[in-house]
C-alpha atoms as a PDB file:
ATOM      1  CA  MET A   1       0.000   0.000   0.000  1.00  0.00           C
ATOM      2  CA  VAL A   2       1.035   3.590  -0.566  1.00  0.00           C
ATOM      3  CA  LYS A   3       0.124   6.248   2.016  1.00  0.00           C
ATOM      4  CA  PHE A   4      -0.354   9.807   0.803  1.00  0.00           C
ATOM      5  CA  THR A   5      -0.544  12.974   2.901  1.00  0.00           C
ATOM      6  CA  SER A   6      -0.474  16.584   1.712  1.00  0.00           C
ATOM      7  CA  LYS A   7      -0.862  20.007   3.288  1.00  0.00           C
ATOM      8  CA  SER A   8      -3.444  20.977   0.682  1.00  0.00           C
ATOM      9  CA  PHE A   9      -6.684  19.249  -0.250  1.00  0.00           C
ATOM     10  CA  GLY A  10      -8.184  18.503  -3.629  1.00  0.00           C
ATOM     11  CA  GLU A  11      -7.989  16.039  -6.461  1.00  0.00           C
ATOM     12  CA  TYR A  12      -4.670  14.445  -7.405  1.00  0.00           C
ATOM     13  CA  ASN A  13      -3.602  12.082 -10.151  1.00  0.00           C
ATOM     14  CA  PHE A  14      -1.643   9.002  -9.080  1.00  0.00           C
ATOM     15  CA  GLU A  15       0.306   7.066 -11.693  1.00  0.00           C
ATOM     16  CA  MET A  16       2.572   4.072 -11.163  1.00  0.00           C
ATOM     17  CA  THR A  17       4.811   2.795 -13.948  1.00  0.00           C
ATOM     18  CA  SER A  18       7.136  -0.184 -14.155  1.00  0.00           C
ATOM     19  CA  ILE A  19      10.845   0.270 -14.718  1.00  0.00           C
ATOM     20  CA  GLU A  20      10.142  -0.690 -18.362  1.00  0.00           C
ATOM     21  CA  GLY A  21       7.761   2.286 -18.681  1.00  0.00           C
ATOM     22  CA  LYS A  22       4.470   0.320 -18.617  1.00  0.00           C
ATOM     23  CA  CYS A  23       1.619   1.989 -16.711  1.00  0.00           C
ATOM     24  CA  VAL A  24       0.646  -0.399 -13.914  1.00  0.00           C
ATOM     25  CA  LEU A  25      -1.837   1.741 -11.978  1.00  0.00           C
ATOM     26  CA  LYS A  26      -3.535   5.043 -12.697  1.00  0.00           C
ATOM     27  CA  THR A  27      -6.156   6.554 -10.427  1.00  0.00           C
ATOM     28  CA  LYS A  28      -7.532   9.793  -9.039  1.00  0.00           C
ATOM     29  CA  ILE A  29      -7.084  10.651  -5.374  1.00  0.00           C
ATOM     30  CA  ASN A  30      -9.595  12.877  -3.590  1.00  0.00           C
ATOM     31  CA  TYR A  31      -7.759  14.231  -0.560  1.00  0.00           C
ATOM     32  CA  ASP A  32      -9.756  16.014   2.156  1.00  0.00           C
ATOM     33  CA  GLY A  33      -6.704  17.582   3.836  1.00  0.00           C
ATOM     34  CA  VAL A  34      -7.233  15.662   7.074  1.00  0.00           C
ATOM     35  CA  ASN A  35      -6.877  11.918   6.591  1.00  0.00           C
ATOM     36  CA  ASN A  36      -4.197   9.811   4.916  1.00  0.00           C
ATOM     37  CA  VAL A  37      -5.062   8.342   1.550  1.00  0.00           C
ATOM     38  CA  ILE A  38      -4.152   4.664   1.229  1.00  0.00           C
ATOM     39  CA  ILE A  39      -3.703   3.173  -2.223  1.00  0.00           C
ATOM     40  CA  PRO A  40      -3.804  -0.645  -2.180  1.00  0.00           C
ATOM     41  CA  LEU A  41      -1.243  -2.420  -4.326  1.00  0.00           C
ATOM     42  CA  SER A  42      -2.794  -5.882  -4.325  1.00  0.00           C
ATOM     43  CA  GLY A  43      -2.065  -7.661  -7.566  1.00  0.00           C
ATOM     44  CA  VAL A  44       1.068  -5.619  -8.269  1.00  0.00           C
ATOM     45  CA  GLU A  45       4.101  -7.843  -8.816  1.00  0.00           C
ATOM     46  CA  GLN A  46       7.338  -7.427  -6.889  1.00  0.00           C
ATOM     47  CA  GLY A  47       9.742  -4.985  -8.481  1.00  0.00           C
ATOM     48  CA  ILE A  48      10.838  -1.393  -8.824  1.00  0.00           C
ATOM     49  CA  TYR A  49       8.278   1.193  -9.899  1.00  0.00           C
ATOM     50  CA  PHE A  50       8.097   4.926 -10.387  1.00  0.00           C
ATOM     51  CA  ILE A  51       5.191   6.864  -8.914  1.00  0.00           C
ATOM     52  CA  ARG A  52       3.932  10.266  -9.906  1.00  0.00           C
ATOM     53  CA  ILE A  53       1.443  12.291  -7.894  1.00  0.00           C
ATOM     54  CA  SER A  54       0.262  15.539  -9.440  1.00  0.00           C
ATOM     55  CA  GLY A  55      -2.361  18.157  -8.732  1.00  0.00           C
ATOM     56  CA  ASP A  56      -2.921  21.906  -8.717  1.00  0.00           C
ATOM     57  CA  GLN A  57      -0.312  22.622  -6.044  1.00  0.00           C
ATOM     58  CA  LEU A  58       1.743  19.419  -5.981  1.00  0.00           C
ATOM     59  CA  GLU A  59       4.071  17.549  -8.290  1.00  0.00           C
ATOM     60  CA  PHE A  60       5.899  14.530  -6.843  1.00  0.00           C
ATOM     61  CA  THR A  61       7.877  11.797  -8.563  1.00  0.00           C
ATOM     62  CA  GLY A  62       9.512   8.969  -6.637  1.00  0.00           C
ATOM     63  CA  LYS A  63      10.704   5.405  -6.708  1.00  0.00           C
ATOM     64  CA  LEU A  64       8.780   2.585  -5.042  1.00  0.00           C
ATOM     65  CA  ILE A  65      10.050  -0.918  -4.308  1.00  0.00           C
ATOM     66  CA  VAL A  66       7.339  -3.572  -3.930  1.00  0.00           C
ATOM     67  CA  ASN A  67       8.453  -6.647  -1.959  1.00  0.00           C
END
């Protein structure tokens, strides 16, 4: 699972791609500014992935290792 917290609320795009560049997961996140958002990763194979979270006031890119 991926936990997401931000100082601002709103709608965010979440995209997860494999190291080969294949889109594995793409979803919208509605963040209320109070609670953590949890994105389940059931069905995602072990490996290294890149995640991108973007919205009006946020742009984040990172690496995620799924064990």
